[in-house]
Amino acid sequence: MVGSRRKGVAMRAKYLGSGEGKQPKEISQLLGSIIEKAAVGVDVRHGQLVNDWLTVAPPDWAAFGTPVGVRDKTLLVEVSDGSAASLLKYQIGELKRAIEDRFGGDLVRSVKVRVRQA
């Protein structure tokens, strides 16, 4: 029966490898190695910073800013208008200290504030 499973037998997808031997490999093994290679250099603390923003960021930053993410050690924060951007730009040092206290000094070196596009 094509497409059916035998009772108690787990079906595993296979991929025919390249080379002379061409031995089948489990796709899950191949995907695992691809994912590991793609994740090289990814710092999970970036996601933690975004997720924990309200508890990490000083009050004005938490109230007016929304973290977009971190790239090349630069944190991008969006705000709703120019007055919020002006206020927060004078408080970048305070934000960097809060991030350093929580995650260490090597996570964020600079902060960019941009006004959210409507």
C-alpha atoms as a PDB file:
ATOM      1  CA  MET A   1       0.000   0.000   0.000  1.00  0.00           C
ATOM      2  CA  VAL A   2       1.545   3.259  -1.121  1.00  0.00           C
ATOM      3  CA  GLY A   3       1.453   6.084   1.453  1.00  0.00           C
ATOM      4  CA  SER A   4       0.394   3.891   4.374  1.00  0.00           C
ATOM      5  CA  ARG A   5       2.260   2.990   7.539  1.00  0.00           C
ATOM      6  CA  ARG A   6       2.705  -0.411   8.952  1.00  0.00           C
ATOM      7  CA  LYS A   7       1.489  -0.606  12.512  1.00  0.00           C
ATOM      8  CA  GLY A   8       4.298   0.153  14.970  1.00  0.00           C
ATOM      9  CA  VAL A   9       6.848   1.079  12.305  1.00  0.00           C
ATOM     10  CA  ALA A  10       8.012   4.685  12.196  1.00  0.00           C
ATOM     11  CA  MET A  11       8.609   6.013   8.729  1.00  0.00           C
ATOM     12  CA  ARG A  12      11.624   8.268   8.325  1.00  0.00           C
ATOM     13  CA  ALA A  13      12.241  10.470   5.323  1.00  0.00           C
ATOM     14  CA  LYS A  14      15.540   9.706   3.614  1.00  0.00           C
ATOM     15  CA  TYR A  15      17.716  11.679   1.232  1.00  0.00           C
ATOM     16  CA  LEU A  16      20.137   9.969  -1.107  1.00  0.00           C
ATOM     17  CA  GLY A  17      23.518  11.486  -0.357  1.00  0.00           C
ATOM     18  CA  SER A  18      25.996  12.490  -3.015  1.00  0.00           C
ATOM     19  CA  GLY A  19      29.220  10.674  -3.782  1.00  0.00           C
ATOM     20  CA  GLU A  20      30.156   7.181  -4.835  1.00  0.00           C
ATOM     21  CA  GLY A  21      28.467   5.385  -1.942  1.00  0.00           C
ATOM     22  CA  LYS A  22      25.256   7.423  -2.123  1.00  0.00           C
ATOM     23  CA  GLN A  23      24.048   6.190   1.233  1.00  0.00           C
ATOM     24  CA  PRO A  24      20.654   7.475   2.340  1.00  0.00           C
ATOM     25  CA  LYS A  25      20.681   9.962   5.213  1.00  0.00           C
ATOM     26  CA  GLU A  26      17.811  11.000   7.403  1.00  0.00           C
ATOM     27  CA  ILE A  27      16.492  14.420   6.411  1.00  0.00           C
ATOM     28  CA  SER A  28      16.347  15.401  10.088  1.00  0.00           C
ATOM     29  CA  GLN A  29      20.148  14.979  10.254  1.00  0.00           C
ATOM     30  CA  LEU A  30      20.619  17.181   7.213  1.00  0.00           C
ATOM     31  CA  LEU A  31      18.255  19.856   8.507  1.00  0.00           C
ATOM     32  CA  GLY A  32      19.961  19.817  11.900  1.00  0.00           C
ATOM     33  CA  SER A  33      23.352  20.513  10.360  1.00  0.00           C
ATOM     34  CA  ILE A  34      21.916  23.290   8.163  1.00  0.00           C
ATOM     35  CA  ILE A  35      20.213  24.941  11.137  1.00  0.00           C
ATOM     36  CA  GLU A  36      23.383  24.732  13.235  1.00  0.00           C
ATOM     37  CA  LYS A  37      25.413  26.400  10.483  1.00  0.00           C
ATOM     38  CA  ALA A  38      22.802  29.121   9.978  1.00  0.00           C
ATOM     39  CA  ALA A  39      22.707  29.909  13.716  1.00  0.00           C
ATOM     40  CA  VAL A  40      26.441  30.593  13.952  1.00  0.00           C
ATOM     41  CA  GLY A  41      26.932  34.094  15.322  1.00  0.00           C
ATOM     42  CA  VAL A  42      23.336  34.459  16.534  1.00  0.00           C
ATOM     43  CA  ASP A  43      23.130  35.804  20.070  1.00  0.00           C
ATOM     44  CA  VAL A  44      19.966  34.617  21.825  1.00  0.00           C
ATOM     45  CA  ARG A  45      20.235  37.588  24.179  1.00  0.00           C
ATOM     46  CA  HIS A  46      18.932  39.785  21.337  1.00  0.00           C
ATOM     47  CA  GLY A  47      15.612  37.979  21.502  1.00  0.00           C
ATOM     48  CA  GLN A  48      15.628  38.110  25.282  1.00  0.00           C
ATOM     49  CA  LEU A  49      16.157  41.872  25.176  1.00  0.00           C
ATOM     50  CA  VAL A  50      13.188  42.335  22.852  1.00  0.00           C
ATOM     51  CA  ASN A  51      10.973  39.939  24.820  1.00  0.00           C
ATOM     52  CA  ASP A  52      11.903  41.390  28.229  1.00  0.00           C
ATOM     53  CA  TRP A  53      11.895  45.027  27.069  1.00  0.00           C
ATOM     54  CA  LEU A  54       9.390  46.274  29.652  1.00  0.00           C
ATOM     55  CA  THR A  55      11.473  44.920  32.537  1.00  0.00           C
ATOM     56  CA  VAL A  56      14.887  45.825  31.088  1.00  0.00           C
ATOM     57  CA  ALA A  57      14.302  49.314  29.688  1.00  0.00           C
ATOM     58  CA  PRO A  58      14.177  52.420  31.893  1.00  0.00           C
ATOM     59  CA  PRO A  59      10.627  53.832  32.332  1.00  0.00           C
ATOM     60  CA  ASP A  60      10.653  56.377  29.474  1.00  0.00           C
ATOM     61  CA  TRP A  61      12.100  53.822  27.058  1.00  0.00           C
ATOM     62  CA  ALA A  62       9.519  51.219  28.074  1.00  0.00           C
ATOM     63  CA  ALA A  63       6.678  53.741  27.731  1.00  0.00           C
ATOM     64  CA  PHE A  64       7.620  55.313  24.396  1.00  0.00           C
ATOM     65  CA  GLY A  65       9.921  52.881  22.589  1.00  0.00           C
ATOM     66  CA  THR A  66       9.463  49.521  20.918  1.00  0.00           C
ATOM     67  CA  PRO A  67      12.590  47.490  20.222  1.00  0.00           C
ATOM     68  CA  VAL A  68      12.864  46.242  16.665  1.00  0.00           C
ATOM     69  CA  GLY A  69      16.039  44.195  17.081  1.00  0.00           C
ATOM     70  CA  VAL A  70      19.819  44.229  17.299  1.00  0.00           C
ATOM     71  CA  ARG A  71      22.156  44.149  14.313  1.00  0.00           C
ATOM     72  CA  ASP A  72      25.917  44.557  14.504  1.00  0.00           C
ATOM     73  CA  LYS A  73      25.568  45.481  18.190  1.00  0.00           C
ATOM     74  CA  THR A  74      23.212  48.378  17.319  1.00  0.00           C
ATOM     75  CA  LEU A  75      19.780  48.332  18.954  1.00  0.00           C
ATOM     76  CA  LEU A  76      16.997  49.809  16.820  1.00  0.00           C
ATOM     77  CA  VAL A  77      14.073  51.281  18.751  1.00  0.00           C
ATOM     78  CA  GLU A  78      10.929  52.671  17.130  1.00  0.00           C
ATOM     79  CA  VAL A  79       8.848  55.485  18.601  1.00  0.00           C
ATOM     80  CA  SER A  80       5.514  56.961  17.591  1.00  0.00           C
ATOM     81  CA  ASP A  81       6.588  60.570  16.999  1.00  0.00           C
ATOM     82  CA  GLY A  82       9.457  63.037  16.880  1.00  0.00           C
ATOM     83  CA  SER A  83       8.964  64.360  20.407  1.00  0.00           C
ATOM     84  CA  ALA A  84       9.375  60.859  21.865  1.00  0.00           C
ATOM     85  CA  ALA A  85      12.494  60.400  19.725  1.00  0.00           C
ATOM     86  CA  SER A  86      13.963  63.668  21.008  1.00  0.00           C
ATOM     87  CA  LEU A  87      13.246  62.724  24.621  1.00  0.00           C
ATOM     88  CA  LEU A  88      14.800  59.273  24.324  1.00  0.00           C
ATOM     89  CA  LYS A  89      17.914  60.379  22.430  1.00  0.00           C
ATOM     90  CA  TYR A  90      19.006  62.218  25.571  1.00  0.00           C
ATOM     91  CA  GLN A  91      18.581  59.015  27.583  1.00  0.00           C
ATOM     92  CA  ILE A  92      20.564  56.577  25.438  1.00  0.00           C
ATOM     93  CA  GLY A  93      23.297  56.260  28.068  1.00  0.00           C
ATOM     94  CA  GLU A  94      20.755  55.235  30.687  1.00  0.00           C
ATOM     95  CA  LEU A  95      19.331  52.562  28.360  1.00  0.00           C
ATOM     96  CA  LYS A  96      22.783  51.195  27.523  1.00  0.00           C
ATOM     97  CA  ARG A  97      23.621  50.944  31.248  1.00  0.00           C
ATOM     98  CA  ALA A  98      20.374  49.055  31.914  1.00  0.00           C
ATOM     99  CA  ILE A  99      21.114  46.614  29.091  1.00  0.00           C
ATOM    100  CA  GLU A 100      24.690  46.186  30.291  1.00  0.00           C
ATOM    101  CA  ASP A 101      23.504  45.484  33.849  1.00  0.00           C
ATOM    102  CA  ARG A 102      21.145  42.780  32.593  1.00  0.00           C
ATOM    103  CA  PHE A 103      23.047  41.198  29.682  1.00  0.00           C
ATOM    104  CA  GLY A 104      26.664  42.361  29.912  1.00  0.00           C
ATOM    105  CA  GLY A 105      28.534  45.078  28.087  1.00  0.00           C
ATOM    106  CA  ASP A 106      29.067  43.252  24.811  1.00  0.00           C
ATOM    107  CA  LEU A 107      25.431  43.042  23.650  1.00  0.00           C
ATOM    108  CA  VAL A 108      24.675  46.620  22.533  1.00  0.00           C
ATOM    109  CA  ARG A 109      27.231  49.292  21.650  1.00  0.00           C
ATOM    110  CA  SER A 110      24.896  51.857  20.096  1.00  0.00           C
ATOM    111  CA  VAL A 111      21.197  52.709  19.929  1.00  0.00           C
ATOM    112  CA  LYS A 112      19.288  54.141  16.974  1.00  0.00           C
ATOM    113  CA  VAL A 113      15.870  55.712  17.456  1.00  0.00           C
ATOM    114  CA  ARG A 114      13.534  56.042  14.494  1.00  0.00           C
ATOM    115  CA  VAL A 115      10.016  57.363  14.146  1.00  0.00           C
ATOM    116  CA  ARG A 116       7.551  54.642  13.176  1.00  0.00           C
ATOM    117  CA  GLN A 117       6.116  55.084   9.697  1.00  0.00           C
ATOM    118  CA  ALA A 118       2.323  55.387   9.623  1.00  0.00           C
END
